[in-house]
Amino acid sequence: MTLLSRPNFWYLFDYGMVVSTAPKASDWRALEHVTGVDLEPKTSTYWANRGAFDSGQLNPQEYWSGVLGRPASRVEVESLEDLDLAQWSHLNLTTLSVLETLQNEEARVALLSNMPVQMSKRHLYESSWTKYFSKLYISGQLGFAKPERRIFDHVLVGLDVRPEDVVFIDDSAANIASAQKLGYRTVLHTSATDLRVELSEILVC
């Protein structure tokens, strides 16, 4: 059987839109029911300060108050945090299949995700997908986020590896470009990506 992985490589996965799928329409409606605002458009208050939330500069109280445009109550924050976790918990079964293969091949697999602190902690305690990763790098816990160079430098130090021995899989062109500048091997993940084919092609390079 042909292997999917190289023994000397690290496979570095993004979470959102790679391990997980996009939130469903019903998820956005549930948030709208609580907030009274359609938060799905990229111009909404949900996205306005998401970068600061992901990098740990805002706590949940501060972030959701910004989303609401007024101070959020403790009950509101708890409800919104639950809904936000839920909408980013729909797993990509195709990616999970690839992760299962990599695990069976005893490949070295890590996660690099822009994710708020509390969401990451809940995933660590509640989610099954974390078992595929021997190392997890979370922006909210580090205090900086993709596509900043320093987060990619931090990963290289943590993995103790050369950039050309890392295969980085992410859905953001900006994140991919930042990694490529450092010499990472990359896969831009879209809904049309056949990850098995992409990794197999890297294997023969």
C-alpha atoms as a PDB file:
ATOM      1  CA  MET A   1       0.000   0.000   0.000  1.00  0.00           C
ATOM      2  CA  THR A   2       1.295   3.469  -0.902  1.00  0.00           C
ATOM      3  CA  LEU A   3       1.878   5.704   2.094  1.00  0.00           C
ATOM      4  CA  LEU A   4       0.306   9.145   2.269  1.00  0.00           C
ATOM      5  CA  SER A   5       2.985  10.614   4.508  1.00  0.00           C
ATOM      6  CA  ARG A   6       6.721  11.043   4.726  1.00  0.00           C
ATOM      7  CA  PRO A   7       8.377   9.967   7.998  1.00  0.00           C
ATOM      8  CA  ASN A   8      10.460  13.162   8.273  1.00  0.00           C
ATOM      9  CA  PHE A   9       7.577  15.591   7.605  1.00  0.00           C
ATOM     10  CA  TRP A  10       5.221  17.406   9.927  1.00  0.00           C
ATOM     11  CA  TYR A  11       1.637  17.848   8.679  1.00  0.00           C
ATOM     12  CA  LEU A  12       0.286  21.131  10.037  1.00  0.00           C
ATOM     13  CA  PHE A  13      -3.475  21.588   9.750  1.00  0.00           C
ATOM     14  CA  ASP A  14      -5.685  24.620  10.169  1.00  0.00           C
ATOM     15  CA  TYR A  15      -8.954  23.957  12.001  1.00  0.00           C
ATOM     16  CA  GLY A  16     -11.771  26.135  10.632  1.00  0.00           C
ATOM     17  CA  MET A  17     -12.784  25.241   7.056  1.00  0.00           C
ATOM     18  CA  VAL A  18     -10.237  22.401   7.002  1.00  0.00           C
ATOM     19  CA  VAL A  19     -10.910  20.100   9.962  1.00  0.00           C
ATOM     20  CA  SER A  20     -14.297  21.744  10.408  1.00  0.00           C
ATOM     21  CA  THR A  21     -16.742  22.887   7.761  1.00  0.00           C
ATOM     22  CA  ALA A  22     -18.415  26.269   7.429  1.00  0.00           C
ATOM     23  CA  PRO A  23     -21.206  27.141   9.864  1.00  0.00           C
ATOM     24  CA  LYS A  24     -24.638  26.191   8.592  1.00  0.00           C
ATOM     25  CA  ALA A  25     -27.437  28.641   7.826  1.00  0.00           C
ATOM     26  CA  SER A  26     -29.240  27.324  10.902  1.00  0.00           C
ATOM     27  CA  ASP A  27     -26.237  28.232  13.066  1.00  0.00           C
ATOM     28  CA  TRP A  28     -26.326  31.842  11.901  1.00  0.00           C
ATOM     29  CA  ARG A  29     -30.091  31.952  12.464  1.00  0.00           C
ATOM     30  CA  ALA A  30     -29.587  30.735  16.028  1.00  0.00           C
ATOM     31  CA  LEU A  31     -27.111  33.559  16.644  1.00  0.00           C
ATOM     32  CA  GLU A  32     -29.503  36.033  15.052  1.00  0.00           C
ATOM     33  CA  HIS A  33     -32.289  34.827  17.353  1.00  0.00           C
ATOM     34  CA  VAL A  34     -30.184  35.741  20.408  1.00  0.00           C
ATOM     35  CA  THR A  35     -28.569  38.935  19.100  1.00  0.00           C
ATOM     36  CA  GLY A  36     -31.292  40.270  16.809  1.00  0.00           C
ATOM     37  CA  VAL A  37     -28.641  40.791  14.111  1.00  0.00           C
ATOM     38  CA  ASP A  38     -27.687  38.815  11.019  1.00  0.00           C
ATOM     39  CA  LEU A  39     -24.031  38.122  11.809  1.00  0.00           C
ATOM     40  CA  GLU A  40     -23.143  36.020   8.781  1.00  0.00           C
ATOM     41  CA  PRO A  41     -22.084  38.858   6.378  1.00  0.00           C
ATOM     42  CA  LYS A  42     -18.365  39.655   6.511  1.00  0.00           C
ATOM     43  CA  THR A  43     -19.312  43.272   7.275  1.00  0.00           C
ATOM     44  CA  SER A  44     -21.133  42.299  10.469  1.00  0.00           C
ATOM     45  CA  THR A  45     -19.988  42.992  14.023  1.00  0.00           C
ATOM     46  CA  TYR A  46     -19.255  39.271  14.435  1.00  0.00           C
ATOM     47  CA  TRP A  47     -16.275  39.619  12.112  1.00  0.00           C
ATOM     48  CA  ALA A  48     -15.215  43.193  12.943  1.00  0.00           C
ATOM     49  CA  ASN A  49     -13.188  42.234  16.027  1.00  0.00           C
ATOM     50  CA  ARG A  50     -12.786  38.527  15.383  1.00  0.00           C
ATOM     51  CA  GLY A  51      -9.062  38.847  14.789  1.00  0.00           C
ATOM     52  CA  ALA A  52      -8.555  40.461  18.186  1.00  0.00           C
ATOM     53  CA  PHE A  53     -10.739  37.785  19.803  1.00  0.00           C
ATOM     54  CA  ASP A  54      -8.834  34.982  18.074  1.00  0.00           C
ATOM     55  CA  SER A  55      -5.488  36.366  19.193  1.00  0.00           C
ATOM     56  CA  GLY A  56      -6.539  36.710  22.836  1.00  0.00           C
ATOM     57  CA  GLN A  57      -6.714  40.507  22.907  1.00  0.00           C
ATOM     58  CA  LEU A  58     -10.405  40.412  23.819  1.00  0.00           C
ATOM     59  CA  ASN A  59     -12.124  38.167  26.335  1.00  0.00           C
ATOM     60  CA  PRO A  60     -15.617  36.753  25.649  1.00  0.00           C
ATOM     61  CA  GLN A  61     -17.347  39.537  27.584  1.00  0.00           C
ATOM     62  CA  GLU A  62     -15.542  42.227  25.585  1.00  0.00           C
ATOM     63  CA  TYR A  63     -15.981  40.509  22.242  1.00  0.00           C
ATOM     64  CA  TRP A  64     -19.694  39.750  22.533  1.00  0.00           C
ATOM     65  CA  SER A  65     -20.413  43.213  23.920  1.00  0.00           C
ATOM     66  CA  GLY A  66     -18.832  44.548  20.738  1.00  0.00           C
ATOM     67  CA  VAL A  67     -20.967  42.224  18.643  1.00  0.00           C
ATOM     68  CA  LEU A  68     -24.129  43.378  20.423  1.00  0.00           C
ATOM     69  CA  GLY A  69     -23.141  47.039  20.512  1.00  0.00           C
ATOM     70  CA  ARG A  70     -23.886  47.148  24.250  1.00  0.00           C
ATOM     71  CA  PRO A  71     -22.696  45.405  27.414  1.00  0.00           C
ATOM     72  CA  ALA A  72     -23.492  41.701  27.202  1.00  0.00           C
ATOM     73  CA  SER A  73     -24.857  39.980  30.279  1.00  0.00           C
ATOM     74  CA  ARG A  74     -23.191  36.871  31.694  1.00  0.00           C
ATOM     75  CA  VAL A  75     -26.118  34.740  30.540  1.00  0.00           C
ATOM     76  CA  GLU A  76     -25.910  36.195  27.025  1.00  0.00           C
ATOM     77  CA  VAL A  77     -22.167  35.572  26.849  1.00  0.00           C
ATOM     78  CA  GLU A  78     -22.598  31.957  27.949  1.00  0.00           C
ATOM     79  CA  SER A  79     -25.344  31.402  25.372  1.00  0.00           C
ATOM     80  CA  LEU A  80     -23.377  33.048  22.565  1.00  0.00           C
ATOM     81  CA  GLU A  81     -20.232  31.113  23.440  1.00  0.00           C
ATOM     82  CA  ASP A  82     -22.209  27.858  23.248  1.00  0.00           C
ATOM     83  CA  LEU A  83     -23.676  28.778  19.877  1.00  0.00           C
ATOM     84  CA  ASP A  84     -20.299  29.868  18.522  1.00  0.00           C
ATOM     85  CA  LEU A  85     -18.652  26.626  19.601  1.00  0.00           C
ATOM     86  CA  ALA A  86     -21.474  24.645  18.019  1.00  0.00           C
ATOM     87  CA  GLN A  87     -21.270  26.378  14.665  1.00  0.00           C
ATOM     88  CA  TRP A  88     -17.551  25.691  14.398  1.00  0.00           C
ATOM     89  CA  SER A  89     -17.921  22.048  15.429  1.00  0.00           C
ATOM     90  CA  HIS A  90     -19.247  20.565  12.173  1.00  0.00           C
ATOM     91  CA  LEU A  91     -16.405  18.285  11.139  1.00  0.00           C
ATOM     92  CA  ASN A  92     -15.148  17.713   7.609  1.00  0.00           C
ATOM     93  CA  LEU A  93     -15.390  13.944   7.229  1.00  0.00           C
ATOM     94  CA  THR A  94     -13.022  13.917   4.263  1.00  0.00           C
ATOM     95  CA  THR A  95     -10.321  15.631   6.311  1.00  0.00           C
ATOM     96  CA  LEU A  96     -10.965  13.285   9.228  1.00  0.00           C
ATOM     97  CA  SER A  97     -10.402  10.344   6.892  1.00  0.00           C
ATOM     98  CA  VAL A  98      -7.031  11.794   5.875  1.00  0.00           C
ATOM     99  CA  LEU A  99      -6.139  12.405   9.523  1.00  0.00           C
ATOM    100  CA  GLU A 100      -7.064   8.806  10.319  1.00  0.00           C
ATOM    101  CA  THR A 101      -4.716   7.617   7.582  1.00  0.00           C
ATOM    102  CA  LEU A 102      -1.909   9.847   8.816  1.00  0.00           C
ATOM    103  CA  GLN A 103      -2.439   8.561  12.342  1.00  0.00           C
ATOM    104  CA  ASN A 104      -2.311   4.952  11.152  1.00  0.00           C
ATOM    105  CA  GLU A 105       0.955   5.749   9.368  1.00  0.00           C
ATOM    106  CA  GLU A 106       2.302   7.252  12.587  1.00  0.00           C
ATOM    107  CA  ALA A 107       2.841  10.563  10.802  1.00  0.00           C
ATOM    108  CA  ARG A 108       3.717  13.665  12.780  1.00  0.00           C
ATOM    109  CA  VAL A 109       0.614  15.860  12.793  1.00  0.00           C
ATOM    110  CA  ALA A 110       0.057  19.268  14.425  1.00  0.00           C
ATOM    111  CA  LEU A 111      -2.646  21.937  14.457  1.00  0.00           C
ATOM    112  CA  LEU A 112      -2.231  25.675  13.904  1.00  0.00           C
ATOM    113  CA  SER A 113      -5.510  27.516  14.388  1.00  0.00           C
ATOM    114  CA  ASN A 114      -6.768  31.037  14.894  1.00  0.00           C
ATOM    115  CA  MET A 115      -9.192  30.339  17.718  1.00  0.00           C
ATOM    116  CA  PRO A 116     -10.341  32.162  20.868  1.00  0.00           C
ATOM    117  CA  VAL A 117      -8.938  30.909  24.169  1.00  0.00           C
ATOM    118  CA  GLN A 118     -12.147  29.589  25.695  1.00  0.00           C
ATOM    119  CA  MET A 119     -13.268  27.861  22.503  1.00  0.00           C
ATOM    120  CA  SER A 120      -9.913  26.083  22.265  1.00  0.00           C
ATOM    121  CA  LYS A 121     -10.111  24.950  25.887  1.00  0.00           C
ATOM    122  CA  ARG A 122     -13.595  23.547  25.353  1.00  0.00           C
ATOM    123  CA  HIS A 123     -12.483  21.696  22.240  1.00  0.00           C
ATOM    124  CA  LEU A 124      -9.600  20.169  24.181  1.00  0.00           C
ATOM    125  CA  TYR A 125     -11.999  18.851  26.805  1.00  0.00           C
ATOM    126  CA  GLU A 126     -15.022  18.036  24.671  1.00  0.00           C
ATOM    127  CA  SER A 127     -13.996  17.266  21.085  1.00  0.00           C
ATOM    128  CA  SER A 128     -12.826  13.969  19.610  1.00  0.00           C
ATOM    129  CA  TRP A 129     -10.810  15.466  16.733  1.00  0.00           C
ATOM    130  CA  THR A 130      -7.982  16.614  19.006  1.00  0.00           C
ATOM    131  CA  LYS A 131      -6.754  12.998  19.267  1.00  0.00           C
ATOM    132  CA  TYR A 132      -5.212  13.266  15.794  1.00  0.00           C
ATOM    133  CA  PHE A 133      -2.732  15.980  16.805  1.00  0.00           C
ATOM    134  CA  SER A 134       0.373  15.549  18.913  1.00  0.00           C
ATOM    135  CA  LYS A 135       0.914  19.323  19.102  1.00  0.00           C
ATOM    136  CA  LEU A 136      -1.620  22.152  19.025  1.00  0.00           C
ATOM    137  CA  TYR A 137      -0.785  25.809  18.413  1.00  0.00           C
ATOM    138  CA  ILE A 138      -3.737  28.095  19.189  1.00  0.00           C
ATOM    139  CA  SER A 139      -3.612  31.827  18.474  1.00  0.00           C
ATOM    140  CA  GLY A 140      -5.679  32.844  21.487  1.00  0.00           C
ATOM    141  CA  GLN A 141      -3.302  31.053  23.843  1.00  0.00           C
ATOM    142  CA  LEU A 142      -0.197  32.408  22.109  1.00  0.00           C
ATOM    143  CA  GLY A 143      -1.333  36.027  21.865  1.00  0.00           C
ATOM    144  CA  PHE A 144      -0.733  36.339  18.128  1.00  0.00           C
ATOM    145  CA  ALA A 145      -2.327  34.884  15.038  1.00  0.00           C
ATOM    146  CA  LYS A 146      -1.995  33.925  11.385  1.00  0.00           C
ATOM    147  CA  PRO A 147      -0.907  35.355   9.026  1.00  0.00           C
ATOM    148  CA  GLU A 148       1.715  36.987  11.274  1.00  0.00           C
ATOM    149  CA  ARG A 149       5.182  35.640  10.588  1.00  0.00           C
ATOM    150  CA  ARG A 150       5.964  35.162  14.256  1.00  0.00           C
ATOM    151  CA  ILE A 151       3.323  32.451  14.691  1.00  0.00           C
ATOM    152  CA  PHE A 152       4.902  30.451  11.878  1.00  0.00           C
ATOM    153  CA  ASP A 153       8.357  31.028  13.387  1.00  0.00           C
ATOM    154  CA  HIS A 154       6.979  29.898  16.749  1.00  0.00           C
ATOM    155  CA  VAL A 155       5.712  26.659  15.233  1.00  0.00           C
ATOM    156  CA  LEU A 156       9.078  25.896  13.629  1.00  0.00           C
ATOM    157  CA  VAL A 157      10.824  26.343  16.964  1.00  0.00           C
ATOM    158  CA  GLY A 158       8.215  24.219  18.724  1.00  0.00           C
ATOM    159  CA  LEU A 159       8.430  21.417  16.188  1.00  0.00           C
ATOM    160  CA  ASP A 160      12.238  21.759  15.930  1.00  0.00           C
ATOM    161  CA  VAL A 161      12.038  21.378  12.171  1.00  0.00           C
ATOM    162  CA  ARG A 162      13.025  23.091   8.936  1.00  0.00           C
ATOM    163  CA  PRO A 163      10.180  24.900   7.116  1.00  0.00           C
ATOM    164  CA  GLU A 164      10.612  22.716   4.028  1.00  0.00           C
ATOM    165  CA  ASP A 165       9.767  19.688   6.166  1.00  0.00           C
ATOM    166  CA  VAL A 166       6.349  21.083   7.131  1.00  0.00           C
ATOM    167  CA  VAL A 167       3.238  20.649   4.997  1.00  0.00           C
ATOM    168  CA  PHE A 168       0.797  23.410   5.973  1.00  0.00           C
ATOM    169  CA  ILE A 169      -2.873  22.993   5.050  1.00  0.00           C
ATOM    170  CA  ASP A 170      -5.051  26.113   5.380  1.00  0.00           C
ATOM    171  CA  ASP A 171      -8.070  27.690   3.659  1.00  0.00           C
ATOM    172  CA  SER A 172      -6.727  31.260   3.760  1.00  0.00           C
ATOM    173  CA  ALA A 173      -4.622  32.513   0.851  1.00  0.00           C
ATOM    174  CA  ALA A 174      -3.032  35.105   3.158  1.00  0.00           C
ATOM    175  CA  ASN A 175      -1.979  32.425   5.647  1.00  0.00           C
ATOM    176  CA  ILE A 176      -0.625  30.239   2.866  1.00  0.00           C
ATOM    177  CA  ALA A 177       1.366  33.136   1.415  1.00  0.00           C
ATOM    178  CA  SER A 178       2.902  33.930   4.805  1.00  0.00           C
ATOM    179  CA  ALA A 179       3.958  30.307   5.291  1.00  0.00           C
ATOM    180  CA  GLN A 180       5.361  30.055   1.770  1.00  0.00           C
ATOM    181  CA  LYS A 181       7.601  33.074   2.372  1.00  0.00           C
ATOM    182  CA  LEU A 182       9.290  31.086   5.144  1.00  0.00           C
ATOM    183  CA  GLY A 183       9.702  27.999   2.973  1.00  0.00           C
ATOM    184  CA  TYR A 184       6.816  25.860   4.186  1.00  0.00           C
ATOM    185  CA  ARG A 185       5.269  23.400   1.761  1.00  0.00           C
ATOM    186  CA  THR A 186       1.602  24.335   1.484  1.00  0.00           C
ATOM    187  CA  VAL A 187      -1.840  23.191   0.399  1.00  0.00           C
ATOM    188  CA  LEU A 188      -4.552  25.815  -0.079  1.00  0.00           C
ATOM    189  CA  HIS A 189      -7.667  23.997   1.070  1.00  0.00           C
ATOM    190  CA  THR A 190     -10.979  24.696  -0.702  1.00  0.00           C
ATOM    191  CA  SER A 191     -14.231  22.814  -1.061  1.00  0.00           C
ATOM    192  CA  ALA A 192     -12.805  21.322  -4.263  1.00  0.00           C
ATOM    193  CA  THR A 193      -9.524  20.157  -2.719  1.00  0.00           C
ATOM    194  CA  ASP A 194      -8.724  16.451  -2.875  1.00  0.00           C
ATOM    195  CA  LEU A 195      -6.397  16.382   0.088  1.00  0.00           C
ATOM    196  CA  ARG A 196      -5.209  12.840  -0.555  1.00  0.00           C
ATOM    197  CA  VAL A 197      -4.114  13.804  -4.053  1.00  0.00           C
ATOM    198  CA  GLU A 198      -2.451  17.003  -2.831  1.00  0.00           C
ATOM    199  CA  LEU A 199      -0.484  15.207  -0.116  1.00  0.00           C
ATOM    200  CA  SER A 200       0.452  12.388  -2.490  1.00  0.00           C
ATOM    201  CA  GLU A 201       1.881  14.914  -4.946  1.00  0.00           C
ATOM    202  CA  ILE A 202       3.937  16.501  -2.186  1.00  0.00           C
ATOM    203  CA  LEU A 203       5.178  13.042  -1.275  1.00  0.00           C
ATOM    204  CA  VAL A 204       6.832  12.558  -4.678  1.00  0.00           C
ATOM    205  CA  CYS A 205       8.346  16.075  -4.870  1.00  0.00           C
END
